[in-house]
């Protein structure tokens, strides 16, 4: 296991040049081509019915390229990968970035479906999404909630999700494991989880969604100097009518304050065993991550295949893919070589 303590060891100038080239060309995903977009923008959002959802997603790059599934976290959105995607496209990959349930243009197909945010819902959503796109095998990468989803996919479907890039490593959890109290200092970092456990917290998040999300961005990435436009671009995705319900459900479920849904019981039982991940994996951590995150030494043994951990320096926080897009993209390019 090695640490990337100096990004200059990687040839990021080359990948930056590739990214610029990608910005100057049109993107094609599936049968539909999209015209070139300005830096930080995406082609038009597509929609596809998959499982319980009508999923909004971006599909960029050659239709015959190796698929890369990128998964965002809370309270962020697909624009966390706006600068990562062109680098991968220029290297010949097909890049697919869905809005999770409760974000952007993703909607439930039925008004009767429980707005459930438990761990396995996102796993099932991702598999259904890939099935709908008729993609059998892909590299998967993510951060925050997206890193957890990516790890569950790599652990349970290693023949389909052939390599993994995960920020903050192994984040698979269970309600039972979450019963154990943490140290007072660690509990303090989860203040919003306890806030969301209350009716006041749910009402507060609903009334102040954007302000709350901005506070999380600032606390989780204390050295990231994002501007108003960057935040507003992602915050628009939080206006999804199901966003608050999904967010509250997610954190309440972790504490055992919201029940599991029977349709996901088998998945949760498998995940509660904390399965090893055998596919090639690169885990990443920012040196200024202000959000709760595990020590890499505590999860390294969970990766039983080819594995590397990289510390990304320079004041990089929780939203690593947006704060250090070249490092994130390079990890994907490198892990692909290990498959």
Protein backbone atom coordinates (compact mmCIF):
# COMPACT_ATOMS: atom_id res chain seq x y z
CA UNK A 1 0.00 0.00 0.00
CA UNK A 2 1.38 3.40 -1.02
CA UNK A 3 0.36 7.01 -0.51
CA UNK A 4 0.24 9.66 -3.18
CA UNK A 5 1.82 12.50 -1.30
CA UNK A 6 2.99 14.37 -4.36
CA UNK A 7 0.68 14.68 -7.34
CA UNK A 8 3.60 15.59 -9.56
CA UNK A 9 4.57 11.93 -9.54
CA UNK A 10 1.67 11.41 -11.93
CA UNK A 11 1.56 12.83 -15.39
CA UNK A 12 -1.41 15.04 -14.83
CA UNK A 13 -0.34 17.48 -17.49
CA UNK A 14 -1.11 14.82 -20.05
CA UNK A 15 -4.53 14.09 -18.61
CA UNK A 16 -5.29 17.80 -18.42
CA UNK A 17 -4.46 18.07 -22.10
CA UNK A 18 -6.77 15.16 -22.78
CA UNK A 19 -9.50 16.91 -20.82
CA UNK A 20 -9.10 20.06 -22.91
CA UNK A 21 -9.33 17.99 -26.06
CA UNK A 22 -12.54 16.43 -24.78
CA UNK A 23 -14.06 19.82 -24.14
CA UNK A 24 -13.45 20.71 -27.78
CA UNK A 25 -15.31 17.76 -29.22
CA UNK A 26 -18.85 16.39 -29.17
CA UNK A 27 -19.76 13.60 -26.75
CA UNK A 28 -21.61 10.48 -27.88
CA UNK A 29 -23.34 8.10 -25.48
CA UNK A 30 -25.45 5.26 -26.84
CA UNK A 31 -27.02 6.17 -30.14
CA UNK A 32 -27.47 9.85 -29.31
CA UNK A 33 -24.71 12.41 -29.82
CA UNK A 34 -24.45 15.67 -27.89
CA UNK A 35 -22.66 18.80 -28.97
CA UNK A 36 -19.59 20.06 -27.14
CA UNK A 37 -20.26 21.78 -23.83
CA UNK A 38 -18.37 24.56 -22.10
CA UNK A 39 -16.04 23.67 -19.26
CA UNK A 40 -17.94 22.43 -16.24
CA UNK A 41 -21.12 21.76 -18.22
CA UNK A 42 -22.70 18.52 -19.35
CA UNK A 43 -24.61 17.42 -22.42
CA UNK A 44 -28.38 17.27 -22.06
CA UNK A 45 -29.67 15.10 -19.22
CA UNK A 46 -31.22 11.84 -20.41
CA UNK A 47 -33.94 9.81 -18.71
CA UNK A 48 -34.42 6.06 -18.50
CA UNK A 49 -36.89 3.92 -16.58
CA UNK A 50 -34.96 1.57 -14.31
CA UNK A 51 -36.44 -0.42 -11.44
CA UNK A 52 -38.52 1.92 -9.28
CA UNK A 53 -37.18 5.07 -10.88
CA UNK A 54 -37.10 7.26 -13.95
CA UNK A 55 -33.39 8.06 -13.71
CA UNK A 56 -31.84 11.28 -14.93
CA UNK A 57 -28.28 10.76 -16.10
CA UNK A 58 -25.39 11.95 -18.23
CA UNK A 59 -23.89 9.59 -20.83
CA UNK A 60 -20.67 10.78 -22.45
CA UNK A 61 -18.01 9.24 -24.65
CA UNK A 62 -17.95 6.50 -27.29
CA UNK A 63 -20.77 3.97 -27.02
CA UNK A 64 -18.24 1.14 -27.40
CA UNK A 65 -15.87 2.51 -24.75
CA UNK A 66 -15.33 0.76 -21.44
CA UNK A 67 -18.16 2.05 -19.20
CA UNK A 68 -17.32 3.99 -16.05
CA UNK A 69 -20.15 4.53 -13.57
CA UNK A 70 -19.64 7.62 -11.38
CA UNK A 71 -21.74 8.02 -8.22
CA UNK A 72 -22.14 11.27 -6.28
CA UNK A 73 -22.82 11.84 -2.59
CA UNK A 74 -24.90 14.00 -0.24
CA UNK A 75 -25.52 16.90 -0.53
CA UNK A 76 -23.80 17.09 -3.91
CA UNK A 77 -24.83 16.03 -7.41
CA UNK A 78 -23.52 14.88 -10.78
CA UNK A 79 -21.51 18.10 -11.24
CA UNK A 80 -18.99 16.74 -8.76
CA UNK A 81 -17.68 14.92 -11.86
CA UNK A 82 -17.93 17.78 -14.36
CA UNK A 83 -14.15 17.99 -14.76
CA UNK A 84 -13.48 14.29 -14.31
CA UNK A 85 -15.71 13.14 -17.15
CA UNK A 86 -13.92 14.94 -20.04
CA UNK A 87 -10.58 13.44 -19.00
CA UNK A 88 -12.04 9.94 -19.11
CA UNK A 89 -13.89 10.59 -22.37
CA UNK A 90 -10.70 11.79 -24.03
CA UNK A 91 -9.04 8.53 -22.95
CA UNK A 92 -11.77 6.55 -24.74
CA UNK A 93 -14.09 5.67 -21.86
CA UNK A 94 -17.86 5.86 -21.80
CA UNK A 95 -18.81 7.87 -18.71
CA UNK A 96 -22.22 7.44 -17.09
CA UNK A 97 -23.31 9.65 -14.18
CA UNK A 98 -26.80 9.17 -12.70
CA UNK A 99 -28.66 11.39 -10.30
CA UNK A 100 -29.35 9.25 -7.23
CA UNK A 101 -32.92 8.85 -5.99
CA UNK A 102 -33.94 12.18 -4.53
CA UNK A 103 -31.68 14.27 -6.76
CA UNK A 104 -31.97 16.20 -10.01
CA UNK A 105 -34.44 14.88 -12.55
CA UNK A 106 -34.62 11.36 -11.09
CA UNK A 107 -38.20 10.56 -10.08
CA UNK A 108 -40.09 7.61 -8.63
CA UNK A 109 -42.36 5.89 -11.12
CA UNK A 110 -45.11 5.47 -8.52
CA UNK A 111 -46.41 7.88 -5.93
CA UNK A 112 -47.01 4.86 -3.68
CA UNK A 113 -43.34 3.79 -3.52
CA UNK A 114 -41.81 4.36 -0.09
CA UNK A 115 -39.30 7.21 -0.18
CA UNK A 116 -36.66 5.00 1.38
CA UNK A 117 -33.03 6.02 1.75
CA UNK A 118 -31.59 2.91 3.40
CA UNK A 119 -28.24 1.61 2.17
CA UNK A 120 -29.49 -1.19 -0.10
CA UNK A 121 -31.96 0.98 -2.00
CA UNK A 122 -29.13 2.72 -3.81
CA UNK A 123 -27.40 -0.58 -4.52
CA UNK A 124 -30.56 -1.99 -6.09
CA UNK A 125 -31.14 1.26 -8.00
CA UNK A 126 -27.64 1.11 -9.51
CA UNK A 127 -28.00 -2.49 -10.66
CA UNK A 128 -31.40 -1.75 -12.19
CA UNK A 129 -29.96 1.33 -13.90
CA UNK A 130 -27.12 -0.65 -15.47
CA UNK A 131 -29.58 -3.35 -16.54
CA UNK A 132 -31.79 -0.73 -18.21
CA UNK A 133 -28.77 0.57 -20.14
CA UNK A 134 -27.86 -3.03 -21.05
CA UNK A 135 -24.38 -2.62 -19.59
CA UNK A 136 -22.99 -5.88 -18.26
CA UNK A 137 -19.61 -4.73 -16.95
CA UNK A 138 -18.27 -1.40 -15.73
CA UNK A 139 -15.69 0.31 -13.58
CA UNK A 140 -17.40 2.04 -10.65
CA UNK A 141 -16.22 5.05 -8.66
CA UNK A 142 -17.69 7.44 -6.13
CA UNK A 143 -17.42 9.56 -2.99
CA UNK A 144 -19.56 9.95 0.13
CA UNK A 145 -22.87 8.08 -0.44
CA UNK A 146 -21.54 7.26 -3.90
CA UNK A 147 -18.45 5.56 -2.44
CA UNK A 148 -20.68 3.38 -0.26
CA UNK A 149 -22.82 2.42 -3.24
CA UNK A 150 -19.75 1.72 -5.37
CA UNK A 151 -18.28 -0.52 -2.67
CA UNK A 152 -21.51 -2.50 -2.32
CA UNK A 153 -21.61 -3.07 -6.07
CA UNK A 154 -17.98 -4.19 -6.25
CA UNK A 155 -18.45 -6.49 -3.25
CA UNK A 156 -21.65 -8.21 -4.36
CA UNK A 157 -21.31 -8.17 -8.17
CA UNK A 158 -17.56 -8.44 -8.89
CA UNK A 159 -18.21 -9.89 -12.35
CA UNK A 160 -20.16 -6.81 -13.33
CA UNK A 161 -18.27 -4.07 -11.48
CA UNK A 162 -14.74 -4.99 -12.36
CA UNK A 163 -12.72 -2.25 -10.63
CA UNK A 164 -13.37 0.30 -7.90
CA UNK A 165 -12.23 3.80 -6.98
CA UNK A 166 -13.57 4.83 -3.59
CA UNK A 167 -13.01 8.04 -1.65
CA UNK A 168 -12.60 7.26 2.07
CA UNK A 169 -12.34 3.56 1.33
CA UNK A 170 -14.68 0.91 2.69
CA UNK A 171 -17.96 2.52 3.77
CA UNK A 172 -20.32 -0.47 3.79
CA UNK A 173 -22.35 -0.40 7.00
CA UNK A 174 -25.23 -1.99 8.87
CA UNK A 175 -27.82 -0.96 11.42
CA UNK A 176 -26.37 -3.40 13.93
CA UNK A 177 -22.84 -2.02 13.61
CA UNK A 178 -24.18 1.51 13.95
CA UNK A 179 -25.62 0.71 17.38
CA UNK A 180 -22.15 0.95 18.91
CA UNK A 181 -21.41 4.45 20.27
CA UNK A 182 -18.36 6.33 19.07
CA UNK A 183 -16.00 8.56 21.00
CA UNK A 184 -17.45 11.97 21.93
CA UNK A 185 -15.25 13.71 19.36
CA UNK A 186 -16.38 11.32 16.62
CA UNK A 187 -20.02 11.67 17.62
CA UNK A 188 -19.71 15.44 17.34
CA UNK A 189 -18.87 15.13 13.65
CA UNK A 190 -22.23 13.40 13.12
CA UNK A 191 -24.23 16.32 14.54
CA UNK A 192 -26.48 16.53 11.48
CA UNK A 193 -27.36 12.83 11.74
CA UNK A 194 -28.82 13.44 15.19
CA UNK A 195 -30.50 16.64 14.02
CA UNK A 196 -32.20 14.70 11.25
CA UNK A 197 -33.45 12.18 13.81
CA UNK A 198 -35.83 14.82 15.12
CA UNK A 199 -38.97 16.32 13.65
CA UNK A 200 -37.36 19.73 14.07
CA UNK A 201 -34.40 18.56 11.99
CA UNK A 202 -36.61 17.36 9.16
CA UNK A 203 -38.53 20.63 9.13
CA UNK A 204 -35.30 22.59 9.34
CA UNK A 205 -33.72 20.79 6.41
CA UNK A 206 -36.87 21.21 4.34
CA UNK A 207 -37.02 24.93 5.09
CA UNK A 208 -33.30 25.59 4.60
CA UNK A 209 -32.10 22.90 2.18
CA UNK A 210 -29.67 25.05 0.23
CA UNK A 211 -28.24 26.85 3.26
CA UNK A 212 -27.82 23.54 5.07
CA UNK A 213 -26.09 21.95 2.08
CA UNK A 214 -23.73 24.90 1.75
CA UNK A 215 -22.78 24.58 5.41
CA UNK A 216 -21.99 20.88 4.88
CA UNK A 217 -19.83 21.75 1.86
CA UNK A 218 -17.90 24.29 3.94
CA UNK A 219 -17.41 21.99 6.93
CA UNK A 220 -16.51 18.94 4.85
CA UNK A 221 -14.05 20.83 2.64
CA UNK A 222 -12.72 23.70 4.79
CA UNK A 223 -10.01 24.71 2.32
CA UNK A 224 -12.09 24.48 -0.87
CA UNK A 225 -12.85 27.99 -2.14
CA UNK A 226 -15.86 27.22 -4.32
CA UNK A 227 -17.84 30.14 -5.69
CA UNK A 228 -21.57 30.86 -5.59
CA UNK A 229 -22.13 29.65 -9.14
CA UNK A 230 -20.47 26.31 -8.46
CA UNK A 231 -22.66 25.72 -5.43
CA UNK A 232 -25.85 26.91 -7.13
CA UNK A 233 -25.31 24.54 -10.05
CA UNK A 234 -25.39 21.52 -7.73
CA UNK A 235 -27.88 22.92 -5.23
CA UNK A 236 -30.53 22.99 -7.97
CA UNK A 237 -30.51 19.17 -7.84
CA UNK A 238 -31.58 19.29 -4.21
CA UNK A 239 -34.91 20.82 -5.25
CA UNK A 240 -36.06 17.33 -6.21
CA UNK A 241 -39.43 16.75 -4.48
CA UNK A 242 -38.14 13.59 -2.78
CA UNK A 243 -34.75 14.89 -1.68
CA UNK A 244 -35.60 15.73 1.91
CA UNK A 245 -37.50 12.49 2.50
CA UNK A 246 -34.62 10.40 1.10
CA UNK A 247 -32.01 12.29 3.11
CA UNK A 248 -33.91 12.00 6.38
CA UNK A 249 -34.66 8.32 5.75
CA UNK A 250 -30.99 7.58 5.06
CA UNK A 251 -29.69 8.99 8.33
CA UNK A 252 -32.57 7.72 10.46
CA UNK A 253 -32.13 4.21 9.03
CA UNK A 254 -28.46 4.22 10.00
CA UNK A 255 -29.44 4.80 13.63
CA UNK A 256 -32.17 2.18 13.56
CA UNK A 257 -34.87 4.87 13.78
CA UNK A 258 -36.40 3.97 10.42
CA UNK A 259 -37.30 0.40 9.47
CA UNK A 260 -35.77 -1.56 6.61
CA UNK A 261 -37.97 -2.34 3.65
CA UNK A 262 -38.57 -6.08 3.18
CA UNK A 263 -37.65 -6.05 -0.50
CA UNK A 264 -34.06 -5.15 0.49
CA UNK A 265 -33.64 -7.60 3.37
CA UNK A 266 -31.47 -10.05 1.43
CA UNK A 267 -29.14 -7.30 0.24
CA UNK A 268 -28.82 -5.87 3.74
CA UNK A 269 -28.04 -9.30 5.19
CA UNK A 270 -25.22 -9.72 2.69
CA UNK A 271 -23.86 -6.25 3.37
CA UNK A 272 -24.11 -6.70 7.14
CA UNK A 273 -21.49 -9.45 6.83
CA UNK A 274 -19.07 -6.77 5.59
CA UNK A 275 -17.98 -8.67 2.49
CA UNK A 276 -14.42 -8.40 1.23
CA UNK A 277 -13.85 -6.65 -2.08
CA UNK A 278 -11.69 -8.63 -4.47
CA UNK A 279 -11.73 -6.46 -7.58
CA UNK A 280 -8.79 -4.11 -8.24
CA UNK A 281 -9.28 -1.03 -6.07
CA UNK A 282 -7.73 2.36 -5.48
CA UNK A 283 -8.93 4.25 -2.42
CA UNK A 284 -8.42 7.98 -2.07
CA UNK A 285 -8.43 10.44 0.80
CA UNK A 286 -8.02 14.20 0.85
CA UNK A 287 -5.59 15.64 3.37
CA UNK A 288 -8.18 18.21 4.52
CA UNK A 289 -11.33 16.07 4.67
CA UNK A 290 -13.52 17.66 7.33
CA UNK A 291 -16.27 15.04 7.16
CA UNK A 292 -16.34 11.83 9.23
CA UNK A 293 -14.12 9.25 7.54
CA UNK A 294 -12.30 6.07 8.60
CA UNK A 295 -8.56 5.62 8.98
CA UNK A 296 -7.20 3.86 5.86
CA UNK A 297 -5.31 1.43 8.10
CA UNK A 298 -8.63 0.17 9.44
CA UNK A 299 -10.09 -0.84 6.08
CA UNK A 300 -7.11 -1.87 3.94
CA UNK A 301 -7.61 -5.56 4.78
CA UNK A 302 -11.12 -5.49 3.29
CA UNK A 303 -9.60 -5.16 -0.19
CA UNK A 304 -8.26 -8.59 -1.05
CA UNK A 305 -7.34 -7.98 -4.69
CA UNK A 306 -4.87 -5.54 -6.22
CA UNK A 307 -5.03 -2.50 -3.99
CA UNK A 308 -3.51 0.93 -3.49
CA UNK A 309 -4.34 3.84 -1.22
CA UNK A 310 -3.52 7.43 -2.20
CA UNK A 311 -3.47 10.50 0.00
CA UNK A 312 -4.25 13.55 -2.12
CA UNK A 313 -2.53 16.60 -0.70
CA UNK A 314 -2.98 20.33 -1.17
CA UNK A 315 -5.95 21.05 1.10
CA UNK A 316 -8.30 18.58 -0.58
CA UNK A 317 -11.54 17.97 1.28
CA UNK A 318 -14.47 15.59 1.17
CA UNK A 319 -15.68 16.25 -2.39
CA UNK A 320 -12.43 14.94 -3.83
CA UNK A 321 -13.62 14.41 -7.39
CA UNK A 322 -14.56 18.08 -7.74
CA UNK A 323 -11.67 19.49 -5.73
CA UNK A 324 -8.98 17.29 -7.33
CA UNK A 325 -10.52 16.05 -10.59
CA UNK A 326 -7.25 15.07 -12.22
CA UNK A 327 -6.27 12.90 -9.27
CA UNK A 328 -9.68 11.24 -9.24
CA UNK A 329 -9.63 10.63 -13.00
CA UNK A 330 -6.06 9.34 -12.84
CA UNK A 331 -7.07 6.78 -10.23
CA UNK A 332 -9.74 5.46 -12.60
CA UNK A 333 -7.30 5.33 -15.51
CA UNK A 334 -4.79 3.48 -13.31
CA UNK A 335 -7.22 1.00 -11.75
CA UNK A 336 -8.47 0.10 -15.24
CA UNK A 337 -4.99 -1.18 -16.04
CA UNK A 338 -5.25 -3.65 -13.15
CA UNK A 339 -8.34 -5.46 -14.44
